[in-house]
């Protein structure tokens, strides 16, 4: 998708590719690249230092911009326990070290208190979800300049799930995560807005900004999580995310001042990409 977007730079979004998810069980993803097929023989999955390095190295060889991994199971699957830890701090450090050799950062799916702490102290670039992140870990994130991408929209979305397990997780997790976001902001931990979308469809970011505000961020700070902060997380060398000389020239034209009404972010009247309108007013 990133390469396709580069064929029409004046029209398509700029994308950062994470490649293959570094996870214990690659499943069908082992078919994504011929160089991954030897890992299919591993009885214990992608857990050894060599196997962890291999997945990262394949990603780097294929031009991945960032590396994505996990420390906990998923919250969005009712048969998984998101508090179960799948990688240790040592294993995560192996992933981080391999990524850094290629000049890349690591984004880490996380939920449990210990999992979050292990991921941060292993040297990740961003903590994704991070519902039960503890104050000690937030202080460590501030010291290391580790980003926090809470994906509040994804957690809130579980509340309306017809599955009772997911609905209960949403109701339980959302207030905890909002408190963590407020604590992170108060401590000066950099926050980035993310939607947890995947594939070819991306959930609009406007709702995430609203939830950041509901968690306690001032309107401008909430907006910045989706603009300058998000751009800095994905590419610190880029000038994307701001309207300044030399920046790419991307903008949303809104019907209202978003600092007065954040809901206007969900219904822009026009989208500007590289200085050119993509939609009619």
C-alpha atoms as a PDB file:
ATOM      1  CA  UNK A   1       0.000   0.000   0.000  1.00  0.00           C
ATOM      2  CA  UNK A   2       2.842   2.393   0.739  1.00  0.00           C
ATOM      3  CA  UNK A   3       4.436   1.694  -2.621  1.00  0.00           C
ATOM      4  CA  UNK A   4       1.125   2.132  -4.436  1.00  0.00           C
ATOM      5  CA  UNK A   5       0.649   5.478  -2.695  1.00  0.00           C
ATOM      6  CA  UNK A   6       4.050   6.612  -3.919  1.00  0.00           C
ATOM      7  CA  UNK A   7       2.864   6.203  -7.498  1.00  0.00           C
ATOM      8  CA  UNK A   8       0.406   9.089  -7.038  1.00  0.00           C
ATOM      9  CA  UNK A   9       2.105  11.315  -4.457  1.00  0.00           C
ATOM     10  CA  UNK A  10      -0.162  14.247  -5.194  1.00  0.00           C
ATOM     11  CA  UNK A  11      -3.279  12.271  -4.331  1.00  0.00           C
ATOM     12  CA  UNK A  12      -2.487   9.469  -1.917  1.00  0.00           C
ATOM     13  CA  UNK A  13      -1.714   9.589   1.774  1.00  0.00           C
ATOM     14  CA  UNK A  14       1.873   9.294   2.921  1.00  0.00           C
ATOM     15  CA  UNK A  15       2.169   5.914   4.588  1.00  0.00           C
ATOM     16  CA  UNK A  16       4.653   4.362   6.972  1.00  0.00           C
ATOM     17  CA  UNK A  17       4.925   0.591   6.594  1.00  0.00           C
ATOM     18  CA  UNK A  18       5.431  -1.711   9.567  1.00  0.00           C
ATOM     19  CA  UNK A  19       5.742  -4.933   7.574  1.00  0.00           C
ATOM     20  CA  UNK A  20       5.196  -8.253   9.313  1.00  0.00           C
ATOM     21  CA  UNK A  21       3.995  -8.180  12.931  1.00  0.00           C
ATOM     22  CA  UNK A  22       6.640  -9.665  15.249  1.00  0.00           C
ATOM     23  CA  UNK A  23       4.505 -12.109  17.226  1.00  0.00           C
ATOM     24  CA  UNK A  24       5.027 -15.607  18.647  1.00  0.00           C
ATOM     25  CA  UNK A  25       2.604 -17.235  16.198  1.00  0.00           C
ATOM     26  CA  UNK A  26       2.994 -15.879  12.668  1.00  0.00           C
ATOM     27  CA  UNK A  27       0.169 -18.066  11.353  1.00  0.00           C
ATOM     28  CA  UNK A  28      -0.575 -17.399   7.685  1.00  0.00           C
ATOM     29  CA  UNK A  29       1.726 -14.377   7.812  1.00  0.00           C
ATOM     30  CA  UNK A  30       4.613 -16.783   7.307  1.00  0.00           C
ATOM     31  CA  UNK A  31       3.503 -16.738   3.645  1.00  0.00           C
ATOM     32  CA  UNK A  32       4.162 -12.991   3.388  1.00  0.00           C
ATOM     33  CA  UNK A  33       7.799 -13.456   2.453  1.00  0.00           C
ATOM     34  CA  UNK A  34       9.831 -16.489   1.289  1.00  0.00           C
ATOM     35  CA  UNK A  35      12.555 -15.606   3.787  1.00  0.00           C
ATOM     36  CA  UNK A  36      10.111 -16.218   6.638  1.00  0.00           C
ATOM     37  CA  UNK A  37       9.269 -19.803   5.682  1.00  0.00           C
ATOM     38  CA  UNK A  38      12.057 -21.431   7.770  1.00  0.00           C
ATOM     39  CA  UNK A  39      10.261 -20.068  10.859  1.00  0.00           C
ATOM     40  CA  UNK A  40       7.288 -22.337  10.115  1.00  0.00           C
ATOM     41  CA  UNK A  41       9.346 -25.284  11.404  1.00  0.00           C
ATOM     42  CA  UNK A  42       9.756 -23.766  14.863  1.00  0.00           C
ATOM     43  CA  UNK A  43       7.692 -25.727  17.393  1.00  0.00           C
ATOM     44  CA  UNK A  44       7.744 -22.843  19.877  1.00  0.00           C
ATOM     45  CA  UNK A  45       7.084 -20.109  17.340  1.00  0.00           C
ATOM     46  CA  UNK A  46       8.973 -16.821  17.076  1.00  0.00           C
ATOM     47  CA  UNK A  47      10.514 -16.680  20.526  1.00  0.00           C
ATOM     48  CA  UNK A  48      14.245 -17.402  20.317  1.00  0.00           C
ATOM     49  CA  UNK A  49      16.682 -14.515  19.822  1.00  0.00           C
ATOM     50  CA  UNK A  50      17.513 -15.804  16.340  1.00  0.00           C
ATOM     51  CA  UNK A  51      13.848 -16.059  15.312  1.00  0.00           C
ATOM     52  CA  UNK A  52      13.028 -12.606  16.681  1.00  0.00           C
ATOM     53  CA  UNK A  53      15.982 -11.085  14.847  1.00  0.00           C
ATOM     54  CA  UNK A  54      15.003 -12.888  11.661  1.00  0.00           C
ATOM     55  CA  UNK A  55      11.527 -11.376  11.459  1.00  0.00           C
ATOM     56  CA  UNK A  56      12.927  -7.901  12.105  1.00  0.00           C
ATOM     57  CA  UNK A  57      15.693  -8.392   9.536  1.00  0.00           C
ATOM     58  CA  UNK A  58      13.216  -9.511   6.874  1.00  0.00           C
ATOM     59  CA  UNK A  59      11.119  -6.421   7.568  1.00  0.00           C
ATOM     60  CA  UNK A  60      14.159  -4.172   7.309  1.00  0.00           C
ATOM     61  CA  UNK A  61      15.300  -5.843   4.087  1.00  0.00           C
ATOM     62  CA  UNK A  62      11.892  -5.154   2.563  1.00  0.00           C
ATOM     63  CA  UNK A  63      12.016  -1.486   3.532  1.00  0.00           C
ATOM     64  CA  UNK A  64       9.806  -1.334   6.643  1.00  0.00           C
ATOM     65  CA  UNK A  65       9.679   2.136   8.190  1.00  0.00           C
ATOM     66  CA  UNK A  66       8.881   0.914  11.714  1.00  0.00           C
ATOM     67  CA  UNK A  67       8.685  -2.447  13.474  1.00  0.00           C
ATOM     68  CA  UNK A  68       5.488  -3.526  15.235  1.00  0.00           C
ATOM     69  CA  UNK A  69       5.385  -6.139  17.992  1.00  0.00           C
ATOM     70  CA  UNK A  70       3.363  -7.093  21.044  1.00  0.00           C
ATOM     71  CA  UNK A  71       3.903  -7.822  24.698  1.00  0.00           C
ATOM     72  CA  UNK A  72       0.334  -8.970  25.491  1.00  0.00           C
ATOM     73  CA  UNK A  73      -2.466 -10.906  23.838  1.00  0.00           C
ATOM     74  CA  UNK A  74      -5.319  -9.058  22.106  1.00  0.00           C
ATOM     75  CA  UNK A  75      -8.273  -7.357  23.778  1.00  0.00           C
ATOM     76  CA  UNK A  76     -10.439  -7.488  20.677  1.00  0.00           C
ATOM     77  CA  UNK A  77     -10.625 -11.291  20.625  1.00  0.00           C
ATOM     78  CA  UNK A  78     -12.853 -12.734  23.365  1.00  0.00           C
ATOM     79  CA  UNK A  79     -10.897 -15.994  23.552  1.00  0.00           C
ATOM     80  CA  UNK A  80      -7.657 -14.152  24.386  1.00  0.00           C
ATOM     81  CA  UNK A  81      -6.638 -12.566  27.687  1.00  0.00           C
ATOM     82  CA  UNK A  82      -5.074  -9.140  27.029  1.00  0.00           C
ATOM     83  CA  UNK A  83      -3.291  -9.319  30.373  1.00  0.00           C
ATOM     84  CA  UNK A  84      -1.369 -12.441  29.351  1.00  0.00           C
ATOM     85  CA  UNK A  85       2.226 -11.557  28.509  1.00  0.00           C
ATOM     86  CA  UNK A  86       3.657 -13.210  25.380  1.00  0.00           C
ATOM     87  CA  UNK A  87       7.164 -11.712  25.320  1.00  0.00           C
ATOM     88  CA  UNK A  88       9.578 -10.991  28.164  1.00  0.00           C
ATOM     89  CA  UNK A  89      11.607  -7.830  28.560  1.00  0.00           C
ATOM     90  CA  UNK A  90      14.635  -9.696  27.229  1.00  0.00           C
ATOM     91  CA  UNK A  91      12.787 -10.821  24.114  1.00  0.00           C
ATOM     92  CA  UNK A  92      11.477  -7.317  23.496  1.00  0.00           C
ATOM     93  CA  UNK A  93      14.986  -5.929  23.943  1.00  0.00           C
ATOM     94  CA  UNK A  94      16.170  -8.333  21.243  1.00  0.00           C
ATOM     95  CA  UNK A  95      13.523  -6.950  18.866  1.00  0.00           C
ATOM     96  CA  UNK A  96      14.424  -3.353  19.729  1.00  0.00           C
ATOM     97  CA  UNK A  97      18.149  -3.977  19.251  1.00  0.00           C
ATOM     98  CA  UNK A  98      17.600  -5.583  15.841  1.00  0.00           C
ATOM     99  CA  UNK A  99      15.358  -2.703  14.762  1.00  0.00           C
ATOM    100  CA  UNK A 100      17.864  -0.092  15.937  1.00  0.00           C
ATOM    101  CA  UNK A 101      20.618  -1.734  13.905  1.00  0.00           C
ATOM    102  CA  UNK A 102      18.474  -0.853  10.928  1.00  0.00           C
ATOM    103  CA  UNK A 103      17.776   2.649  12.225  1.00  0.00           C
ATOM    104  CA  UNK A 104      14.120   1.902  13.051  1.00  0.00           C
ATOM    105  CA  UNK A 105      11.908   2.220  16.113  1.00  0.00           C
ATOM    106  CA  UNK A 106       9.507  -0.314  17.601  1.00  0.00           C
ATOM    107  CA  UNK A 107       5.804   0.202  18.311  1.00  0.00           C
ATOM    108  CA  UNK A 108       4.449  -2.239  20.903  1.00  0.00           C
ATOM    109  CA  UNK A 109       0.891  -3.520  21.468  1.00  0.00           C
ATOM    110  CA  UNK A 110       0.434  -3.690  25.245  1.00  0.00           C
ATOM    111  CA  UNK A 111      -2.119  -3.894  28.062  1.00  0.00           C
ATOM    112  CA  UNK A 112      -0.866  -5.284  31.380  1.00  0.00           C
ATOM    113  CA  UNK A 113       1.019  -3.221  33.950  1.00  0.00           C
ATOM    114  CA  UNK A 114       4.115  -5.435  33.874  1.00  0.00           C
ATOM    115  CA  UNK A 115       3.945  -5.844  30.121  1.00  0.00           C
ATOM    116  CA  UNK A 116       3.889  -2.081  29.622  1.00  0.00           C
ATOM    117  CA  UNK A 117       6.858  -1.626  31.948  1.00  0.00           C
ATOM    118  CA  UNK A 118       8.862  -4.383  30.266  1.00  0.00           C
ATOM    119  CA  UNK A 119       8.177  -2.907  26.841  1.00  0.00           C
ATOM    120  CA  UNK A 120       9.197   0.614  27.833  1.00  0.00           C
ATOM    121  CA  UNK A 121      12.368  -0.452  29.639  1.00  0.00           C
ATOM    122  CA  UNK A 122      13.264  -2.632  26.640  1.00  0.00           C
ATOM    123  CA  UNK A 123      13.469   0.572  24.613  1.00  0.00           C
ATOM    124  CA  UNK A 124      10.356   0.725  22.435  1.00  0.00           C
ATOM    125  CA  UNK A 125       9.454   3.934  20.587  1.00  0.00           C
ATOM    126  CA  UNK A 126       5.713   3.893  21.344  1.00  0.00           C
ATOM    127  CA  UNK A 127       3.401   2.084  23.751  1.00  0.00           C
ATOM    128  CA  UNK A 128       0.191   1.160  21.885  1.00  0.00           C
ATOM    129  CA  UNK A 129      -3.078   0.797  23.887  1.00  0.00           C
ATOM    130  CA  UNK A 130      -1.320   0.583  27.274  1.00  0.00           C
ATOM    131  CA  UNK A 131      -4.521   0.450  29.338  1.00  0.00           C
ATOM    132  CA  UNK A 132      -2.954  -0.550  32.641  1.00  0.00           C
ATOM    133  CA  UNK A 133       0.286   1.385  32.341  1.00  0.00           C
ATOM    134  CA  UNK A 134       1.509   2.322  35.832  1.00  0.00           C
ATOM    135  CA  UNK A 135       2.807   5.645  37.102  1.00  0.00           C
ATOM    136  CA  UNK A 136       6.335   4.246  37.419  1.00  0.00           C
ATOM    137  CA  UNK A 137       6.222   3.360  33.731  1.00  0.00           C
ATOM    138  CA  UNK A 138       4.880   6.780  32.748  1.00  0.00           C
ATOM    139  CA  UNK A 139       7.813   8.404  34.561  1.00  0.00           C
ATOM    140  CA  UNK A 140      10.145   6.098  32.641  1.00  0.00           C
ATOM    141  CA  UNK A 141       8.400   7.043  29.387  1.00  0.00           C
ATOM    142  CA  UNK A 142       8.892  10.722  30.135  1.00  0.00           C
ATOM    143  CA  UNK A 143      12.572  10.141  30.815  1.00  0.00           C
ATOM    144  CA  UNK A 144      13.039   8.150  27.612  1.00  0.00           C
ATOM    145  CA  UNK A 145      10.697  10.268  25.471  1.00  0.00           C
ATOM    146  CA  UNK A 146       8.607   7.153  24.746  1.00  0.00           C
ATOM    147  CA  UNK A 147       5.302   7.920  23.034  1.00  0.00           C
ATOM    148  CA  UNK A 148       1.916   6.763  24.299  1.00  0.00           C
ATOM    149  CA  UNK A 149      -0.663   5.886  21.606  1.00  0.00           C
ATOM    150  CA  UNK A 150      -3.749   4.863  23.624  1.00  0.00           C
ATOM    151  CA  UNK A 151      -6.220   4.190  20.758  1.00  0.00           C
ATOM    152  CA  UNK A 152      -9.155   5.300  22.908  1.00  0.00           C
ATOM    153  CA  UNK A 153     -11.545   4.920  19.970  1.00  0.00           C
ATOM    154  CA  UNK A 154     -10.746   1.222  19.629  1.00  0.00           C
ATOM    155  CA  UNK A 155     -11.286   0.590  23.340  1.00  0.00           C
ATOM    156  CA  UNK A 156     -14.519   2.611  23.402  1.00  0.00           C
ATOM    157  CA  UNK A 157     -15.731   0.727  20.337  1.00  0.00           C
ATOM    158  CA  UNK A 158     -15.789  -2.547  22.243  1.00  0.00           C
ATOM    159  CA  UNK A 159     -18.547  -1.245  24.502  1.00  0.00           C
ATOM    160  CA  UNK A 160     -21.109  -1.702  21.728  1.00  0.00           C
ATOM    161  CA  UNK A 161     -19.922  -5.196  20.830  1.00  0.00           C
ATOM    162  CA  UNK A 162     -22.612  -7.913  20.793  1.00  0.00           C
ATOM    163  CA  UNK A 163     -20.064 -10.159  22.484  1.00  0.00           C
ATOM    164  CA  UNK A 164     -20.486  -9.760  26.276  1.00  0.00           C
ATOM    165  CA  UNK A 165     -16.788 -10.351  26.972  1.00  0.00           C
ATOM    166  CA  UNK A 166     -15.718  -7.556  24.633  1.00  0.00           C
ATOM    167  CA  UNK A 167     -18.474  -5.220  25.823  1.00  0.00           C
ATOM    168  CA  UNK A 168     -17.388  -5.685  29.436  1.00  0.00           C
ATOM    169  CA  UNK A 169     -13.764  -5.070  28.521  1.00  0.00           C
ATOM    170  CA  UNK A 170     -14.736  -1.837  26.816  1.00  0.00           C
ATOM    171  CA  UNK A 171     -16.737  -0.632  29.829  1.00  0.00           C
ATOM    172  CA  UNK A 172     -13.961  -1.589  32.244  1.00  0.00           C
ATOM    173  CA  UNK A 173     -10.946  -0.490  30.224  1.00  0.00           C
ATOM    174  CA  UNK A 174     -12.079   2.885  28.879  1.00  0.00           C
ATOM    175  CA  UNK A 175     -12.172   4.827  32.195  1.00  0.00           C
ATOM    176  CA  UNK A 176      -8.853   3.258  33.232  1.00  0.00           C
ATOM    177  CA  UNK A 177      -7.264   4.273  29.939  1.00  0.00           C
ATOM    178  CA  UNK A 178      -8.638   7.807  30.149  1.00  0.00           C
ATOM    179  CA  UNK A 179      -7.032   8.210  33.565  1.00  0.00           C
ATOM    180  CA  UNK A 180      -3.743   6.911  32.158  1.00  0.00           C
ATOM    181  CA  UNK A 181      -3.926   9.426  29.292  1.00  0.00           C
ATOM    182  CA  UNK A 182      -4.540  12.300  31.694  1.00  0.00           C
ATOM    183  CA  UNK A 183      -1.669  11.181  33.922  1.00  0.00           C
ATOM    184  CA  UNK A 184       0.620  10.890  30.900  1.00  0.00           C
ATOM    185  CA  UNK A 185      -0.288  14.391  29.744  1.00  0.00           C
ATOM    186  CA  UNK A 186       0.256  15.845  33.207  1.00  0.00           C
ATOM    187  CA  UNK A 187       3.695  14.233  33.383  1.00  0.00           C
ATOM    188  CA  UNK A 188       4.713  15.405  29.909  1.00  0.00           C
ATOM    189  CA  UNK A 189       4.693  12.017  28.195  1.00  0.00           C
ATOM    190  CA  UNK A 190       4.279  12.579  24.424  1.00  0.00           C
ATOM    191  CA  UNK A 191       0.839  11.386  23.274  1.00  0.00           C
ATOM    192  CA  UNK A 192      -0.118  10.390  19.735  1.00  0.00           C
ATOM    193  CA  UNK A 193      -3.602   9.808  18.332  1.00  0.00           C
ATOM    194  CA  UNK A 194      -4.135   6.448  16.652  1.00  0.00           C
ATOM    195  CA  UNK A 195      -7.245   4.569  15.561  1.00  0.00           C
ATOM    196  CA  UNK A 196      -6.010   0.940  15.510  1.00  0.00           C
ATOM    197  CA  UNK A 197      -7.370   0.698  11.972  1.00  0.00           C
ATOM    198  CA  UNK A 198      -5.844  -1.776   9.541  1.00  0.00           C
ATOM    199  CA  UNK A 199      -6.066  -2.789   5.910  1.00  0.00           C
ATOM    200  CA  UNK A 200      -7.496  -0.412   3.346  1.00  0.00           C
ATOM    201  CA  UNK A 201      -9.991   1.402   5.570  1.00  0.00           C
ATOM    202  CA  UNK A 202      -8.980   3.883   8.246  1.00  0.00           C
ATOM    203  CA  UNK A 203     -11.335   5.000  10.990  1.00  0.00           C
ATOM    204  CA  UNK A 204     -11.483   8.831  11.042  1.00  0.00           C
ATOM    205  CA  UNK A 205      -9.145  10.353  13.591  1.00  0.00           C
ATOM    206  CA  UNK A 206     -11.554  13.058  14.737  1.00  0.00           C
ATOM    207  CA  UNK A 207     -13.224  10.873  17.345  1.00  0.00           C
ATOM    208  CA  UNK A 208      -9.846   9.985  18.848  1.00  0.00           C
ATOM    209  CA  UNK A 209      -9.094  13.679  19.322  1.00  0.00           C
ATOM    210  CA  UNK A 210     -12.452  14.136  21.040  1.00  0.00           C
ATOM    211  CA  UNK A 211     -11.695  11.273  23.430  1.00  0.00           C
ATOM    212  CA  UNK A 212      -8.266  12.736  24.169  1.00  0.00           C
ATOM    213  CA  UNK A 213     -10.062  15.908  25.217  1.00  0.00           C
ATOM    214  CA  UNK A 214     -12.575  13.936  27.292  1.00  0.00           C
ATOM    215  CA  UNK A 215      -9.615  12.299  29.040  1.00  0.00           C
ATOM    216  CA  UNK A 216      -8.444  15.724  30.204  1.00  0.00           C
ATOM    217  CA  UNK A 217      -6.310  17.265  27.455  1.00  0.00           C
ATOM    218  CA  UNK A 218      -7.012  20.897  26.490  1.00  0.00           C
ATOM    219  CA  UNK A 219      -8.481  21.156  22.961  1.00  0.00           C
ATOM    220  CA  UNK A 220      -5.254  22.337  21.310  1.00  0.00           C
ATOM    221  CA  UNK A 221      -3.185  19.619  23.004  1.00  0.00           C
ATOM    222  CA  UNK A 222      -5.738  17.020  21.896  1.00  0.00           C
ATOM    223  CA  UNK A 223      -5.523  18.273  18.293  1.00  0.00           C
ATOM    224  CA  UNK A 224      -1.729  18.163  18.404  1.00  0.00           C
ATOM    225  CA  UNK A 225      -1.806  14.437  19.248  1.00  0.00           C
ATOM    226  CA  UNK A 226      -3.149  13.894  15.717  1.00  0.00           C
ATOM    227  CA  UNK A 227      -0.913  16.430  13.963  1.00  0.00           C
ATOM    228  CA  UNK A 228       2.562  17.420  15.123  1.00  0.00           C
ATOM    229  CA  UNK A 229       2.895  14.671  17.757  1.00  0.00           C
ATOM    230  CA  UNK A 230       1.743  11.847  15.492  1.00  0.00           C
ATOM    231  CA  UNK A 231       4.042  13.034  12.719  1.00  0.00           C
ATOM    232  CA  UNK A 232       6.979  13.220  15.127  1.00  0.00           C
ATOM    233  CA  UNK A 233       6.340   9.677  16.296  1.00  0.00           C
ATOM    234  CA  UNK A 234       6.315   8.174  12.818  1.00  0.00           C
ATOM    235  CA  UNK A 235       9.027  10.300  11.261  1.00  0.00           C
ATOM    236  CA  UNK A 236      10.902  12.783  13.465  1.00  0.00           C
ATOM    237  CA  UNK A 237      12.733  14.140  10.401  1.00  0.00           C
ATOM    238  CA  UNK A 238       9.509  14.945   8.566  1.00  0.00           C
ATOM    239  CA  UNK A 239       7.810  18.336   8.743  1.00  0.00           C
ATOM    240  CA  UNK A 240       4.419  16.756   8.265  1.00  0.00           C
ATOM    241  CA  UNK A 241       1.707  17.592  10.762  1.00  0.00           C
ATOM    242  CA  UNK A 242       2.187  21.360  10.739  1.00  0.00           C
ATOM    243  CA  UNK A 243       1.509  24.331   8.483  1.00  0.00           C
ATOM    244  CA  UNK A 244       4.965  25.874   8.444  1.00  0.00           C
ATOM    245  CA  UNK A 245       7.400  26.867   5.686  1.00  0.00           C
ATOM    246  CA  UNK A 246       8.820  23.717   4.099  1.00  0.00           C
ATOM    247  CA  UNK A 247       6.059  21.449   5.419  1.00  0.00           C
ATOM    248  CA  UNK A 248       4.134  19.225   2.973  1.00  0.00           C
ATOM    249  CA  UNK A 249       1.058  21.490   2.928  1.00  0.00           C
ATOM    250  CA  UNK A 250      -1.630  19.133   4.199  1.00  0.00           C
ATOM    251  CA  UNK A 251      -4.715  20.517   5.934  1.00  0.00           C
ATOM    252  CA  UNK A 252      -8.322  19.961   6.858  1.00  0.00           C
ATOM    253  CA  UNK A 253     -10.713  22.825   6.187  1.00  0.00           C
ATOM    254  CA  UNK A 254     -13.377  22.871   8.882  1.00  0.00           C
ATOM    255  CA  UNK A 255     -16.677  24.682   9.255  1.00  0.00           C
ATOM    256  CA  UNK A 256     -15.938  25.654  12.867  1.00  0.00           C
ATOM    257  CA  UNK A 257     -12.982  26.421  15.085  1.00  0.00           C
ATOM    258  CA  UNK A 258     -12.015  22.954  16.413  1.00  0.00           C
ATOM    259  CA  UNK A 259     -10.828  24.473  19.668  1.00  0.00           C
ATOM    260  CA  UNK A 260     -14.414  25.555  20.224  1.00  0.00           C
ATOM    261  CA  UNK A 261     -16.049  22.446  18.762  1.00  0.00           C
ATOM    262  CA  UNK A 262     -13.911  19.333  18.329  1.00  0.00           C
ATOM    263  CA  UNK A 263     -16.766  17.480  16.634  1.00  0.00           C
ATOM    264  CA  UNK A 264     -16.006  19.549  13.517  1.00  0.00           C
ATOM    265  CA  UNK A 265     -12.931  17.349  13.004  1.00  0.00           C
ATOM    266  CA  UNK A 266     -15.183  14.434  12.071  1.00  0.00           C
ATOM    267  CA  UNK A 267     -16.804  16.315   9.178  1.00  0.00           C
ATOM    268  CA  UNK A 268     -14.188  18.397   7.330  1.00  0.00           C
ATOM    269  CA  UNK A 269     -15.502  20.485   4.451  1.00  0.00           C
ATOM    270  CA  UNK A 270     -12.343  20.009   2.400  1.00  0.00           C
ATOM    271  CA  UNK A 271      -9.122  17.990   2.459  1.00  0.00           C
ATOM    272  CA  UNK A 272      -5.887  19.580   1.230  1.00  0.00           C
ATOM    273  CA  UNK A 273      -2.992  17.284   0.241  1.00  0.00           C
ATOM    274  CA  UNK A 274       0.373  18.809  -0.686  1.00  0.00           C
ATOM    275  CA  UNK A 275      -1.328  22.142  -1.186  1.00  0.00           C
ATOM    276  CA  UNK A 276      -3.973  20.783  -3.533  1.00  0.00           C
ATOM    277  CA  UNK A 277      -7.664  20.126  -2.740  1.00  0.00           C
ATOM    278  CA  UNK A 278      -8.695  16.471  -2.810  1.00  0.00           C
ATOM    279  CA  UNK A 279     -12.383  17.128  -2.200  1.00  0.00           C
ATOM    280  CA  UNK A 280     -14.775  19.765  -3.425  1.00  0.00           C
ATOM    281  CA  UNK A 281     -16.015  22.300  -0.855  1.00  0.00           C
END
